PDB file of N, CA and C in Angstrom:
ATOM      1  N   UNK A   1     -42.634 -47.811 -44.461  1.00  0.00           N
ATOM      2  CA  UNK A   1     -42.834 -47.248 -43.298  1.00  0.00           C
ATOM      3  C   UNK A   1     -41.491 -47.083 -42.681  1.00  0.00           C
ATOM      4  N   UNK A   2     -41.300 -45.692 -42.074  1.00  0.00           N
ATOM      5  CA  UNK A   2     -39.949 -45.110 -41.503  1.00  0.00           C
ATOM      6  C   UNK A   2     -39.930 -45.734 -40.270  1.00  0.00           C
ATOM      7  N   UNK A   3     -38.540 -46.134 -39.766  1.00  0.00           N
ATOM      8  CA  UNK A   3     -38.396 -46.332 -38.372  1.00  0.00           C
ATOM      9  C   UNK A   3     -37.884 -45.325 -37.683  1.00  0.00           C
ATOM     10  N   UNK A   4     -38.781 -45.006 -36.559  1.00  0.00           N
ATOM     11  CA  UNK A   4     -38.537 -43.929 -35.713  1.00  0.00           C
ATOM     12  C   UNK A   4     -37.543 -44.388 -34.474  1.00  0.00           C
ATOM     13  N   UNK A   5     -36.449 -43.582 -34.560  1.00  0.00           N
ATOM     14  CA  UNK A   5     -35.588 -43.933 -33.472  1.00  0.00           C
ATOM     15  C   UNK A   5     -36.097 -43.903 -32.059  1.00  0.00           C
ATOM     16  N   UNK A   6     -35.708 -44.686 -31.195  1.00  0.00           N
ATOM     17  CA  UNK A   6     -36.251 -44.484 -29.842  1.00  0.00           C
ATOM     18  C   UNK A   6     -35.429 -43.729 -29.112  1.00  0.00           C
ATOM     19  N   UNK A   7     -35.985 -43.341 -27.730  1.00  0.00           N
ATOM     20  CA  UNK A   7     -35.154 -42.512 -26.957  1.00  0.00           C
ATOM     21  C   UNK A   7     -34.210 -43.149 -26.428  1.00  0.00           C
ATOM     22  N   UNK A   8     -32.847 -42.713 -26.667  1.00  0.00           N
ATOM     23  CA  UNK A   8     -31.591 -43.212 -26.017  1.00  0.00           C
ATOM     24  C   UNK A   8     -31.578 -42.842 -24.473  1.00  0.00           C
ATOM     25  N   UNK A   9     -31.911 -43.954 -23.678  1.00  0.00           N
ATOM     26  CA  UNK A   9     -32.014 -43.475 -22.206  1.00  0.00           C
ATOM     27  C   UNK A   9     -30.569 -43.281 -21.668  1.00  0.00           C
ATOM     28  N   UNK A  10     -29.655 -43.926 -22.320  1.00  0.00           N
ATOM     29  CA  UNK A  10     -28.162 -43.804 -21.804  1.00  0.00           C
ATOM     30  C   UNK A  10     -27.702 -42.502 -21.739  1.00  0.00           C
ATOM     31  N   UNK A  11     -28.154 -41.788 -23.125  1.00  0.00           N
ATOM     32  CA  UNK A  11     -27.715 -40.479 -23.308  1.00  0.00           C
ATOM     33  C   UNK A  11     -28.532 -39.501 -22.299  1.00  0.00           C
ATOM     34  N   UNK A  12     -29.707 -39.666 -22.111  1.00  0.00           N
ATOM     35  CA  UNK A  12     -30.594 -38.898 -21.186  1.00  0.00           C
ATOM     36  C   UNK A  12     -29.881 -38.921 -19.743  1.00  0.00           C
ATOM     37  N   UNK A  13     -29.538 -40.264 -19.303  1.00  0.00           N
ATOM     38  CA  UNK A  13     -29.041 -40.307 -17.901  1.00  0.00           C
ATOM     39  C   UNK A  13     -27.661 -39.524 -17.817  1.00  0.00           C
ATOM     40  N   UNK A  14     -26.861 -39.690 -19.106  1.00  0.00           N
ATOM     41  CA  UNK A  14     -25.564 -38.834 -19.124  1.00  0.00           C
ATOM     42  C   UNK A  14     -25.780 -37.544 -19.011  1.00  0.00           C
ATOM     43  N   UNK A  15     -26.642 -36.877 -19.653  1.00  0.00           N
ATOM     44  CA  UNK A  15     -27.209 -35.573 -19.678  1.00  0.00           C
ATOM     45  C   UNK A  15     -27.405 -35.096 -18.316  1.00  0.00           C
ATOM     46  N   UNK A  16     -28.386 -35.778 -17.648  1.00  0.00           N
ATOM     47  CA  UNK A  16     -29.027 -35.523 -16.319  1.00  0.00           C
ATOM     48  C   UNK A  16     -27.853 -35.590 -15.328  1.00  0.00           C
ATOM     49  N   UNK A  17     -26.915 -36.425 -15.367  1.00  0.00           N
ATOM     50  CA  UNK A  17     -25.884 -36.510 -14.395  1.00  0.00           C
ATOM     51  C   UNK A  17     -24.868 -35.119 -14.610  1.00  0.00           C
ATOM     52  N   UNK A  18     -24.605 -35.116 -15.987  1.00  0.00           N
ATOM     53  CA  UNK A  18     -23.912 -33.669 -16.244  1.00  0.00           C
ATOM     54  C   UNK A  18     -24.353 -32.608 -15.661  1.00  0.00           C
ATOM     55  N   UNK A  19     -25.815 -32.243 -15.930  1.00  0.00           N
ATOM     56  CA  UNK A  19     -26.403 -31.061 -15.425  1.00  0.00           C
ATOM     57  C   UNK A  19     -26.505 -31.128 -13.573  1.00  0.00           C
ATOM     58  N   UNK A  20     -26.380 -32.322 -13.206  1.00  0.00           N
ATOM     59  CA  UNK A  20     -26.462 -32.429 -11.617  1.00  0.00           C
ATOM     60  C   UNK A  20     -25.002 -32.060 -11.080  1.00  0.00           C
ATOM     61  N   UNK A  21     -23.839 -32.402 -11.888  1.00  0.00           N
ATOM     62  CA  UNK A  21     -22.648 -32.075 -11.492  1.00  0.00           C
ATOM     63  C   UNK A  21     -22.441 -30.699 -11.695  1.00  0.00           C
ATOM     64  N   UNK A  22     -22.788 -30.124 -12.587  1.00  0.00           N
ATOM     65  CA  UNK A  22     -22.832 -28.563 -12.846  1.00  0.00           C
ATOM     66  C   UNK A  22     -23.470 -27.774 -11.756  1.00  0.00           C
ATOM     67  N   UNK A  23     -24.617 -28.323 -11.524  1.00  0.00           N
ATOM     68  CA  UNK A  23     -25.330 -27.400 -10.244  1.00  0.00           C
ATOM     69  C   UNK A  23     -24.599 -27.629  -8.937  1.00  0.00           C
ATOM     70  N   UNK A  24     -23.965 -28.714  -8.768  1.00  0.00           N
ATOM     71  CA  UNK A  24     -23.265 -29.097  -7.442  1.00  0.00           C
ATOM     72  C   UNK A  24     -22.113 -28.215  -7.515  1.00  0.00           C
ATOM     73  N   UNK A  25     -21.193 -28.111  -8.569  1.00  0.00           N
ATOM     74  CA  UNK A  25     -20.036 -27.411  -8.652  1.00  0.00           C
ATOM     75  C   UNK A  25     -20.418 -25.845  -8.614  1.00  0.00           C
ATOM     76  N   UNK A  26     -21.400 -25.282  -9.077  1.00  0.00           N
ATOM     77  CA  UNK A  26     -21.873 -23.773  -8.874  1.00  0.00           C
ATOM     78  C   UNK A  26     -22.316 -23.539  -7.506  1.00  0.00           C
ATOM     79  N   UNK A  27     -22.938 -24.623  -6.828  1.00  0.00           N
ATOM     80  CA  UNK A  27     -23.195 -24.358  -5.299  1.00  0.00           C
ATOM     81  C   UNK A  27     -22.018 -24.448  -4.482  1.00  0.00           C
ATOM     82  N   UNK A  28     -20.902 -24.784  -4.868  1.00  0.00           N
ATOM     83  CA  UNK A  28     -19.703 -24.652  -3.999  1.00  0.00           C
ATOM     84  C   UNK A  28     -18.928 -23.265  -4.296  1.00  0.00           C
ATOM     85  N   UNK A  29     -19.198 -22.870  -5.483  1.00  0.00           N
ATOM     86  CA  UNK A  29     -18.176 -21.824  -5.753  1.00  0.00           C
ATOM     87  C   UNK A  29     -18.360 -20.485  -4.870  1.00  0.00           C
ATOM     88  N   UNK A  30     -19.419 -20.441  -4.582  1.00  0.00           N
ATOM     89  CA  UNK A  30     -19.948 -19.145  -3.825  1.00  0.00           C
ATOM     90  C   UNK A  30     -19.106 -19.278  -2.264  1.00  0.00           C
ATOM     91  N   UNK A  31     -19.376 -20.273  -1.614  1.00  0.00           N
ATOM     92  CA  UNK A  31     -18.685 -20.704  -0.125  1.00  0.00           C
ATOM     93  C   UNK A  31     -17.366 -20.798  -0.356  1.00  0.00           C
ATOM     94  N   UNK A  32     -16.932 -21.217  -1.490  1.00  0.00           N
ATOM     95  CA  UNK A  32     -15.295 -21.435  -1.533  1.00  0.00           C
ATOM     96  C   UNK A  32     -14.558 -19.895  -1.731  1.00  0.00           C
ATOM     97  N   UNK A  33     -15.299 -19.295  -2.503  1.00  0.00           N
ATOM     98  CA  UNK A  33     -14.857 -17.841  -2.475  1.00  0.00           C
ATOM     99  C   UNK A  33     -14.919 -16.978  -1.235  1.00  0.00           C
ATOM    100  N   UNK A  34     -16.001 -17.186  -0.663  1.00  0.00           N
ATOM    101  CA  UNK A  34     -16.088 -16.454   0.772  1.00  0.00           C
ATOM    102  C   UNK A  34     -15.125 -17.097   1.870  1.00  0.00           C
ATOM    103  N   UNK A  35     -14.633 -18.370   1.647  1.00  0.00           N
ATOM    104  CA  UNK A  35     -13.790 -18.744   2.599  1.00  0.00           C
ATOM    105  C   UNK A  35     -12.372 -18.373   2.480  1.00  0.00           C
ATOM    106  N   UNK A  36     -12.095 -18.266   1.140  1.00  0.00           N
ATOM    107  CA  UNK A  36     -10.797 -17.787   0.611  1.00  0.00           C
ATOM    108  C   UNK A  36     -10.708 -16.092   1.110  1.00  0.00           C
ATOM    109  N   UNK A  37     -11.768 -15.392   1.155  1.00  0.00           N
ATOM    110  CA  UNK A  37     -11.774 -14.178   1.209  1.00  0.00           C
ATOM    111  C   UNK A  37     -11.372 -13.801   2.977  1.00  0.00           C
ATOM    112  N   UNK A  38     -12.398 -14.771   3.673  1.00  0.00           N
ATOM    113  CA  UNK A  38     -12.087 -14.722   5.073  1.00  0.00           C
ATOM    114  C   UNK A  38     -10.653 -15.193   5.680  1.00  0.00           C
ATOM    115  N   UNK A  39     -10.001 -16.208   4.971  1.00  0.00           N
ATOM    116  CA  UNK A  39      -8.687 -16.550   5.268  1.00  0.00           C
ATOM    117  C   UNK A  39      -7.883 -15.384   5.065  1.00  0.00           C
ATOM    118  N   UNK A  40      -7.863 -14.619   4.057  1.00  0.00           N
ATOM    119  CA  UNK A  40      -7.175 -13.536   3.833  1.00  0.00           C
ATOM    120  C   UNK A  40      -7.372 -12.294   5.078  1.00  0.00           C
ATOM    121  N   UNK A  41      -8.603 -12.029   5.278  1.00  0.00           N
ATOM    122  CA  UNK A  41      -9.082 -11.219   6.333  1.00  0.00           C
ATOM    123  C   UNK A  41      -8.375 -11.524   7.826  1.00  0.00           C
ATOM    124  N   UNK A  42      -8.447 -12.910   8.011  1.00  0.00           N
ATOM    125  CA  UNK A  42      -8.133 -13.463   9.261  1.00  0.00           C
ATOM    126  C   UNK A  42      -6.607 -13.145   9.461  1.00  0.00           C
ATOM    127  N   UNK A  43      -5.915 -13.379   8.298  1.00  0.00           N
ATOM    128  CA  UNK A  43      -4.169 -13.180   8.537  1.00  0.00           C
ATOM    129  C   UNK A  43      -4.014 -11.622   8.645  1.00  0.00           C
ATOM    130  N   UNK A  44      -4.888 -10.708   7.886  1.00  0.00           N
ATOM    131  CA  UNK A  44      -4.705  -9.362   8.239  1.00  0.00           C
ATOM    132  C   UNK A  44      -4.926  -8.979   9.653  1.00  0.00           C
ATOM    133  N   UNK A  45      -6.067  -9.470  10.154  1.00  0.00           N
ATOM    134  CA  UNK A  45      -6.449  -9.210  11.554  1.00  0.00           C
ATOM    135  C   UNK A  45      -5.717  -9.616  12.478  1.00  0.00           C
ATOM    136  N   UNK A  46      -4.834 -11.014  12.333  1.00  0.00           N
ATOM    137  CA  UNK A  46      -3.663 -11.448  13.258  1.00  0.00           C
ATOM    138  C   UNK A  46      -2.627 -10.439  13.348  1.00  0.00           C
ATOM    139  N   UNK A  47      -2.384  -9.984  12.251  1.00  0.00           N
ATOM    140  CA  UNK A  47      -1.180  -9.086  12.115  1.00  0.00           C
ATOM    141  C   UNK A  47      -1.483  -7.702  12.739  1.00  0.00           C
ATOM    142  N   UNK A  48      -2.615  -7.107  12.732  1.00  0.00           N
ATOM    143  CA  UNK A  48      -3.186  -5.872  13.473  1.00  0.00           C
ATOM    144  C   UNK A  48      -3.165  -6.259  14.805  1.00  0.00           C
ATOM    145  N   UNK A  49      -3.681  -7.515  15.229  1.00  0.00           N
ATOM    146  CA  UNK A  49      -3.658  -7.742  16.615  1.00  0.00           C
ATOM    147  C   UNK A  49      -2.165  -7.623  17.188  1.00  0.00           C
ATOM    148  N   UNK A  50      -1.299  -8.462  16.627  1.00  0.00           N
ATOM    149  CA  UNK A  50       0.060  -8.385  17.015  1.00  0.00           C
ATOM    150  C   UNK A  50       0.566  -6.864  17.193  1.00  0.00           C
ATOM    151  N   UNK A  51       0.567  -5.918  16.032  1.00  0.00           N
ATOM    152  CA  UNK A  51       0.972  -4.724  16.160  1.00  0.00           C
ATOM    153  C   UNK A  51       0.292  -3.892  17.387  1.00  0.00           C
ATOM    154  N   UNK A  52      -1.131  -4.204  17.633  1.00  0.00           N
ATOM    155  CA  UNK A  52      -1.726  -3.765  18.884  1.00  0.00           C
ATOM    156  C   UNK A  52      -1.119  -4.012  20.134  1.00  0.00           C
ATOM    157  N   UNK A  53      -0.912  -5.306  20.106  1.00  0.00           N
ATOM    158  CA  UNK A  53      -0.441  -5.914  21.292  1.00  0.00           C
ATOM    159  C   UNK A  53       0.981  -5.258  21.452  1.00  0.00           C
ATOM    160  N   UNK A  54       1.810  -4.975  20.880  1.00  0.00           N
ATOM    161  CA  UNK A  54       3.136  -4.678  21.112  1.00  0.00           C
ATOM    162  C   UNK A  54       2.915  -3.075  21.355  1.00  0.00           C
ATOM    163  N   UNK A  55       2.113  -2.433  20.788  1.00  0.00           N
ATOM    164  CA  UNK A  55       1.861  -0.915  21.086  1.00  0.00           C
ATOM    165  C   UNK A  55       1.327  -0.850  22.463  1.00  0.00           C
ATOM    166  N   UNK A  56       0.511  -1.640  22.961  1.00  0.00           N
ATOM    167  CA  UNK A  56      -0.300  -1.815  24.013  1.00  0.00           C
ATOM    168  C   UNK A  56       1.032  -2.022  25.213  1.00  0.00           C
ATOM    169  N   UNK A  57       1.876  -2.748  24.870  1.00  0.00           N
ATOM    170  CA  UNK A  57       3.101  -3.299  26.099  1.00  0.00           C
ATOM    171  C   UNK A  57       3.898  -1.909  26.073  1.00  0.00           C
ATOM    172  N   UNK A  58       4.164  -1.211  24.873  1.00  0.00           N
ATOM    173  CA  UNK A  58       4.844  -0.144  24.940  1.00  0.00           C
ATOM    174  C   UNK A  58       4.206   1.037  25.782  1.00  0.00           C
ATOM    175  N   UNK A  59       2.881   1.047  25.609  1.00  0.00           N
ATOM    176  CA  UNK A  59       2.218   2.345  26.405  1.00  0.00           C
ATOM    177  C   UNK A  59       2.146   1.922  27.874  1.00  0.00           C
ATOM    178  N   UNK A  60       2.047   0.628  28.169  1.00  0.00           N
ATOM    179  CA  UNK A  60       2.162   0.112  29.499  1.00  0.00           C
ATOM    180  C   UNK A  60       3.567   0.563  30.322  1.00  0.00           C
ATOM    181  N   UNK A  61       4.597   0.304  29.330  1.00  0.00           N
ATOM    182  CA  UNK A  61       5.841   0.737  30.043  1.00  0.00           C
ATOM    183  C   UNK A  61       6.054   2.067  30.297  1.00  0.00           C
ATOM    184  N   UNK A  62       5.434   2.846  29.268  1.00  0.00           N
ATOM    185  CA  UNK A  62       5.642   4.260  29.441  1.00  0.00           C
ATOM    186  C   UNK A  62       4.678   4.800  30.536  1.00  0.00           C
ATOM    187  N   UNK A  63       3.642   4.193  30.907  1.00  0.00           N
ATOM    188  CA  UNK A  63       2.628   4.521  32.002  1.00  0.00           C
ATOM    189  C   UNK A  63       3.333   4.218  33.293  1.00  0.00           C
ATOM    190  N   UNK A  64       4.093   3.020  33.367  1.00  0.00           N
ATOM    191  CA  UNK A  64       4.983   2.787  34.593  1.00  0.00           C
ATOM    192  C   UNK A  64       6.073   3.766  34.923  1.00  0.00           C
ATOM    193  N   UNK A  65       6.481   4.135  33.752  1.00  0.00           N
ATOM    194  CA  UNK A  65       7.705   5.105  33.648  1.00  0.00           C
ATOM    195  C   UNK A  65       7.140   6.466  34.228  1.00  0.00           C
ATOM    196  N   UNK A  66       5.887   7.094  33.707  1.00  0.00           N
ATOM    197  CA  UNK A  66       5.443   8.296  34.158  1.00  0.00           C
ATOM    198  C   UNK A  66       5.028   8.444  35.478  1.00  0.00           C
ATOM    199  N   UNK A  67       4.685   7.092  36.267  1.00  0.00           N
ATOM    200  CA  UNK A  67       4.311   7.151  37.777  1.00  0.00           C
ATOM    201  C   UNK A  67       5.549   7.286  38.452  1.00  0.00           C
ATOM    202  N   UNK A  68       6.665   7.370  38.021  1.00  0.00           N
ATOM    203  CA  UNK A  68       7.826   7.461  38.720  1.00  0.00           C
ATOM    204  C   UNK A  68       7.796   8.865  39.366  1.00  0.00           C
ATOM    205  N   UNK A  69       8.231   9.199  40.699  1.00  0.00           N
ATOM    206  CA  UNK A  69       8.322  10.417  41.108  1.00  0.00           C
ATOM    207  C   UNK A  69       8.927  11.472  40.414  1.00  0.00           C
ATOM    208  N   UNK A  70      10.035  11.312  39.729  1.00  0.00           N
ATOM    209  CA  UNK A  70      10.941  12.068  39.152  1.00  0.00           C
ATOM    210  C   UNK A  70      10.289  12.265  37.663  1.00  0.00           C
ATOM    211  N   UNK A  71       9.576  11.605  37.057  1.00  0.00           N
ATOM    212  CA  UNK A  71       8.894  11.669  35.798  1.00  0.00           C
ATOM    213  C   UNK A  71       8.394  12.914  35.340  1.00  0.00           C
ATOM    214  N   UNK A  72       7.455  13.513  36.107  1.00  0.00           N
ATOM    215  CA  UNK A  72       6.937  14.741  35.459  1.00  0.00           C
ATOM    216  C   UNK A  72       8.036  15.791  35.236  1.00  0.00           C
ATOM    217  N   UNK A  73       9.146  15.923  35.991  1.00  0.00           N
ATOM    218  CA  UNK A  73      10.042  16.832  35.974  1.00  0.00           C
ATOM    219  C   UNK A  73      11.064  16.415  34.609  1.00  0.00           C
ATOM    220  N   UNK A  74      11.136  15.153  34.411  1.00  0.00           N
ATOM    221  CA  UNK A  74      11.836  14.586  33.403  1.00  0.00           C
ATOM    222  C   UNK A  74      11.080  14.908  31.930  1.00  0.00           C
ATOM    223  N   UNK A  75       9.839  14.771  32.050  1.00  0.00           N
ATOM    224  CA  UNK A  75       8.854  15.175  30.900  1.00  0.00           C
ATOM    225  C   UNK A  75       9.015  16.428  30.458  1.00  0.00           C
ATOM    226  N   UNK A  76       8.776  17.408  31.701  1.00  0.00           N
ATOM    227  CA  UNK A  76       8.687  18.740  31.267  1.00  0.00           C
ATOM    228  C   UNK A  76      10.113  19.319  30.994  1.00  0.00           C
ATOM    229  N   UNK A  77      11.310  18.691  31.216  1.00  0.00           N
ATOM    230  CA  UNK A  77      12.627  19.052  30.705  1.00  0.00           C
ATOM    231  C   UNK A  77      12.541  18.708  29.263  1.00  0.00           C
ATOM    232  N   UNK A  78      12.205  17.481  29.054  1.00  0.00           N
ATOM    233  CA  UNK A  78      12.315  17.057  27.705  1.00  0.00           C
ATOM    234  C   UNK A  78      11.327  17.881  26.722  1.00  0.00           C
ATOM    235  N   UNK A  79      10.319  18.413  27.200  1.00  0.00           N
ATOM    236  CA  UNK A  79       9.721  19.282  26.266  1.00  0.00           C
ATOM    237  C   UNK A  79      10.259  20.833  26.177  1.00  0.00           C
ATOM    238  N   UNK A  80      11.376  21.180  26.935  1.00  0.00           N
ATOM    239  CA  UNK A  80      12.035  22.468  26.800  1.00  0.00           C
ATOM    240  C   UNK A  80      11.685  23.260  28.175  1.00  0.00           C
ATOM    241  N   UNK A  81      10.790  22.926  28.965  1.00  0.00           N
ATOM    242  CA  UNK A  81      10.523  23.788  30.057  1.00  0.00           C
ATOM    243  C   UNK A  81      11.519  23.743  31.433  1.00  0.00           C
ATOM    244  N   UNK A  82      11.444  24.950  32.050  1.00  0.00           N
ATOM    245  CA  UNK A  82      12.628  25.113  33.139  1.00  0.00           C
ATOM    246  C   UNK A  82      11.771  25.535  34.251  1.00  0.00           C
ATOM    247  N   UNK A  83      12.539  25.307  35.413  1.00  0.00           N
ATOM    248  CA  UNK A  83      11.662  25.630  36.787  1.00  0.00           C
ATOM    249  C   UNK A  83      11.918  27.161  37.088  1.00  0.00           C
ATOM    250  N   UNK A  84      11.159  27.545  37.730  1.00  0.00           N
ATOM    251  CA  UNK A  84      11.206  29.078  38.170  1.00  0.00           C
ATOM    252  C   UNK A  84      12.525  29.183  38.954  1.00  0.00           C
ATOM    253  N   UNK A  85      12.982  30.410  38.367  1.00  0.00           N
ATOM    254  CA  UNK A  85      14.331  30.947  38.890  1.00  0.00           C
ATOM    255  C   UNK A  85      15.558  30.216  37.904  1.00  0.00           C
ATOM    256  N   UNK A  86      15.351  29.338  37.174  1.00  0.00           N
ATOM    257  CA  UNK A  86      16.375  28.754  36.258  1.00  0.00           C
ATOM    258  C   UNK A  86      16.416  29.725  34.934  1.00  0.00           C
ATOM    259  N   UNK A  87      17.417  29.757  34.195  1.00  0.00           N
ATOM    260  CA  UNK A  87      17.653  30.298  32.948  1.00  0.00           C
ATOM    261  C   UNK A  87      17.738  29.287  31.884  1.00  0.00           C
ATOM    262  N   UNK A  88      17.183  29.641  31.141  1.00  0.00           N
ATOM    263  CA  UNK A  88      17.219  28.974  29.700  1.00  0.00           C
ATOM    264  C   UNK A  88      18.142  29.324  28.664  1.00  0.00           C
ATOM    265  N   UNK A  89      18.829  28.618  27.946  1.00  0.00           N
ATOM    266  CA  UNK A  89      19.766  28.867  27.051  1.00  0.00           C
ATOM    267  C   UNK A  89      19.324  28.469  25.709  1.00  0.00           C
ATOM    268  N   UNK A  90      19.420  28.934  24.565  1.00  0.00           N
ATOM    269  CA  UNK A  90      19.166  28.328  23.115  1.00  0.00           C
ATOM    270  C   UNK A  90      20.402  28.630  22.554  1.00  0.00           C
ATOM    271  N   UNK A  91      21.016  27.335  21.948  1.00  0.00           N
ATOM    272  CA  UNK A  91      22.267  27.308  21.253  1.00  0.00           C
ATOM    273  C   UNK A  91      22.017  27.152  19.925  1.00  0.00           C
ATOM    274  N   UNK A  92      22.373  27.990  18.975  1.00  0.00           N
ATOM    275  CA  UNK A  92      21.947  27.990  17.357  1.00  0.00           C
ATOM    276  C   UNK A  92      23.217  27.664  16.810  1.00  0.00           C
ATOM    277  N   UNK A  93      22.910  27.317  15.470  1.00  0.00           N
ATOM    278  CA  UNK A  93      24.066  26.926  14.490  1.00  0.00           C
ATOM    279  C   UNK A  93      25.164  26.179  14.972  1.00  0.00           C
ATOM    280  N   UNK A  94      24.778  24.792  15.567  1.00  0.00           N
ATOM    281  CA  UNK A  94      25.856  23.649  15.946  1.00  0.00           C
ATOM    282  C   UNK A  94      26.122  23.061  14.739  1.00  0.00           C
ATOM    283  N   UNK A  95      27.440  22.803  14.559  1.00  0.00           N
ATOM    284  CA  UNK A  95      27.975  21.967  13.326  1.00  0.00           C
ATOM    285  C   UNK A  95      27.425  20.660  13.305  1.00  0.00           C
TER     286      UNK A  95
END
């Protein structure tokens, strides 16, 4: 009569624990990847916010400057406009 080996419950327990560990690790992979992606996006958005804040300050300074009474004339002259009765000159070929 041949002796049948019995079930090795210690090995079954180890395999079950290993399978449980693998399931737990895989359940954390996707959220970890998402967290890393969001961290990068947050850094990019903070940089963009800083850029937009500085541009907003610059535009507010320009708005205050344009509300000055002589600002319209200065802006028109910067664009090359002249008042009625004035002569405009164009100088070409300056060294």
